[in-house]
């Protein structure tokens, strides 16, 4: 059975509201210095809350490939500490 179009629309709205909330909270925490949010790009933040690479690309005026490259850099830069010169990713 296919999902109801209304349910699908509500899921998309929920994801977009989560993205907006993540951006607002991240900015508030940085501005007030109440906490130190982990460093991550806006691309990563939006993907973390459920937007697809295509949606992030459209929102930021980038190509999906450009978003993918940023996410790969984030993954390499924020992963577990590795021995110098090594890594499997």
C-alpha atoms as a PDB file:
ATOM      1  CA  UNK A   1       0.000   0.000   0.000  1.00  0.00           C
ATOM      2  CA  UNK A   2       1.360   3.403  -0.991  1.00  0.00           C
ATOM      3  CA  UNK A   3       1.623   6.058   1.681  1.00  0.00           C
ATOM      4  CA  UNK A   4      -1.107   8.649   1.820  1.00  0.00           C
ATOM      5  CA  UNK A   5      -0.072  11.879   0.010  1.00  0.00           C
ATOM      6  CA  UNK A   6      -1.001  13.870   3.106  1.00  0.00           C
ATOM      7  CA  UNK A   7       1.273  11.732   5.292  1.00  0.00           C
ATOM      8  CA  UNK A   8       4.116  12.154   2.786  1.00  0.00           C
ATOM      9  CA  UNK A   9       3.611  15.944   2.754  1.00  0.00           C
ATOM     10  CA  UNK A  10       3.634  16.043   6.553  1.00  0.00           C
ATOM     11  CA  UNK A  11       6.884  14.025   6.643  1.00  0.00           C
ATOM     12  CA  UNK A  12       8.521  16.507   4.249  1.00  0.00           C
ATOM     13  CA  UNK A  13       7.294  19.448   6.348  1.00  0.00           C
ATOM     14  CA  UNK A  14       8.579  17.788   9.512  1.00  0.00           C
ATOM     15  CA  UNK A  15      12.039  17.321   7.977  1.00  0.00           C
ATOM     16  CA  UNK A  16      12.196  20.938   6.854  1.00  0.00           C
ATOM     17  CA  UNK A  17      11.089  22.201  10.276  1.00  0.00           C
ATOM     18  CA  UNK A  18      13.777  20.049  11.896  1.00  0.00           C
ATOM     19  CA  UNK A  19      16.358  21.624   9.574  1.00  0.00           C
ATOM     20  CA  UNK A  20      15.194  25.118  10.461  1.00  0.00           C
ATOM     21  CA  UNK A  21      15.232  24.330  14.169  1.00  0.00           C
ATOM     22  CA  UNK A  22      18.752  22.870  13.961  1.00  0.00           C
ATOM     23  CA  UNK A  23      20.032  26.029  12.268  1.00  0.00           C
ATOM     24  CA  UNK A  24      18.342  28.338  14.765  1.00  0.00           C
ATOM     25  CA  UNK A  25      19.498  26.370  17.824  1.00  0.00           C
ATOM     26  CA  UNK A  26      23.052  26.080  16.480  1.00  0.00           C
ATOM     27  CA  UNK A  27      23.188  29.849  15.914  1.00  0.00           C
ATOM     28  CA  UNK A  28      21.727  30.580  19.353  1.00  0.00           C
ATOM     29  CA  UNK A  29      24.224  28.317  21.108  1.00  0.00           C
ATOM     30  CA  UNK A  30      27.122  29.947  19.286  1.00  0.00           C
ATOM     31  CA  UNK A  31      25.831  33.496  19.895  1.00  0.00           C
ATOM     32  CA  UNK A  32      25.135  33.034  23.592  1.00  0.00           C
ATOM     33  CA  UNK A  33      28.081  30.680  24.229  1.00  0.00           C
ATOM     34  CA  UNK A  34      25.732  28.514  26.316  1.00  0.00           C
ATOM     35  CA  UNK A  35      27.308  25.463  24.722  1.00  0.00           C
ATOM     36  CA  UNK A  36      29.901  24.745  22.107  1.00  0.00           C
ATOM     37  CA  UNK A  37      28.228  22.966  19.186  1.00  0.00           C
ATOM     38  CA  UNK A  38      30.369  20.540  17.250  1.00  0.00           C
ATOM     39  CA  UNK A  39      31.932  22.063  14.171  1.00  0.00           C
ATOM     40  CA  UNK A  40      30.110  21.040  11.001  1.00  0.00           C
ATOM     41  CA  UNK A  41      29.127  22.594   7.731  1.00  0.00           C
ATOM     42  CA  UNK A  42      25.610  23.725   6.929  1.00  0.00           C
ATOM     43  CA  UNK A  43      25.503  20.918   4.351  1.00  0.00           C
ATOM     44  CA  UNK A  44      26.198  18.316   7.053  1.00  0.00           C
ATOM     45  CA  UNK A  45      23.729  19.888   9.470  1.00  0.00           C
ATOM     46  CA  UNK A  46      20.932  19.751   6.892  1.00  0.00           C
ATOM     47  CA  UNK A  47      21.702  16.163   5.897  1.00  0.00           C
ATOM     48  CA  UNK A  48      21.846  15.167   9.584  1.00  0.00           C
ATOM     49  CA  UNK A  49      18.243  16.305  10.107  1.00  0.00           C
ATOM     50  CA  UNK A  50      16.967  14.375   7.112  1.00  0.00           C
ATOM     51  CA  UNK A  51      17.261  16.450   3.967  1.00  0.00           C
ATOM     52  CA  UNK A  52      18.653  14.656   0.922  1.00  0.00           C
ATOM     53  CA  UNK A  53      21.762  15.830  -0.896  1.00  0.00           C
ATOM     54  CA  UNK A  54      19.527  16.993  -3.760  1.00  0.00           C
ATOM     55  CA  UNK A  55      17.360  19.039  -1.374  1.00  0.00           C
ATOM     56  CA  UNK A  56      20.429  20.572   0.290  1.00  0.00           C
ATOM     57  CA  UNK A  57      21.932  21.388  -3.093  1.00  0.00           C
ATOM     58  CA  UNK A  58      18.729  23.067  -4.261  1.00  0.00           C
ATOM     59  CA  UNK A  59      18.461  25.037  -1.019  1.00  0.00           C
ATOM     60  CA  UNK A  60      22.078  26.228  -1.066  1.00  0.00           C
ATOM     61  CA  UNK A  61      22.357  26.808  -4.819  1.00  0.00           C
ATOM     62  CA  UNK A  62      24.884  24.018  -5.311  1.00  0.00           C
ATOM     63  CA  UNK A  63      24.998  20.820  -7.310  1.00  0.00           C
ATOM     64  CA  UNK A  64      24.336  17.525  -5.530  1.00  0.00           C
ATOM     65  CA  UNK A  65      27.921  16.551  -6.371  1.00  0.00           C
ATOM     66  CA  UNK A  66      29.254  19.667  -4.627  1.00  0.00           C
ATOM     67  CA  UNK A  67      27.233  18.804  -1.528  1.00  0.00           C
ATOM     68  CA  UNK A  68      28.591  15.246  -1.673  1.00  0.00           C
ATOM     69  CA  UNK A  69      32.157  16.566  -1.805  1.00  0.00           C
ATOM     70  CA  UNK A  70      31.567  18.772   1.252  1.00  0.00           C
ATOM     71  CA  UNK A  71      30.079  15.822   3.123  1.00  0.00           C
ATOM     72  CA  UNK A  72      33.089  13.657   2.246  1.00  0.00           C
ATOM     73  CA  UNK A  73      35.458  16.357   3.531  1.00  0.00           C
ATOM     74  CA  UNK A  74      33.410  16.642   6.734  1.00  0.00           C
ATOM     75  CA  UNK A  75      33.493  12.876   7.178  1.00  0.00           C
ATOM     76  CA  UNK A  76      37.274  12.798   6.834  1.00  0.00           C
ATOM     77  CA  UNK A  77      37.812  15.858   9.018  1.00  0.00           C
ATOM     78  CA  UNK A  78      35.493  14.957  11.906  1.00  0.00           C
ATOM     79  CA  UNK A  79      35.968  11.203  12.137  1.00  0.00           C
ATOM     80  CA  UNK A  80      37.740   9.286  14.856  1.00  0.00           C
ATOM     81  CA  UNK A  81      41.349  10.284  15.422  1.00  0.00           C
ATOM     82  CA  UNK A  82      43.612   8.292  13.128  1.00  0.00           C
ATOM     83  CA  UNK A  83      47.310   7.574  12.987  1.00  0.00           C
ATOM     84  CA  UNK A  84      49.206  10.064  10.841  1.00  0.00           C
ATOM     85  CA  UNK A  85      48.874   9.342   7.142  1.00  0.00           C
ATOM     86  CA  UNK A  86      46.445   6.472   7.648  1.00  0.00           C
ATOM     87  CA  UNK A  87      42.768   5.927   7.233  1.00  0.00           C
ATOM     88  CA  UNK A  88      40.344   3.679   5.460  1.00  0.00           C
ATOM     89  CA  UNK A  89      37.822   6.255   4.298  1.00  0.00           C
END
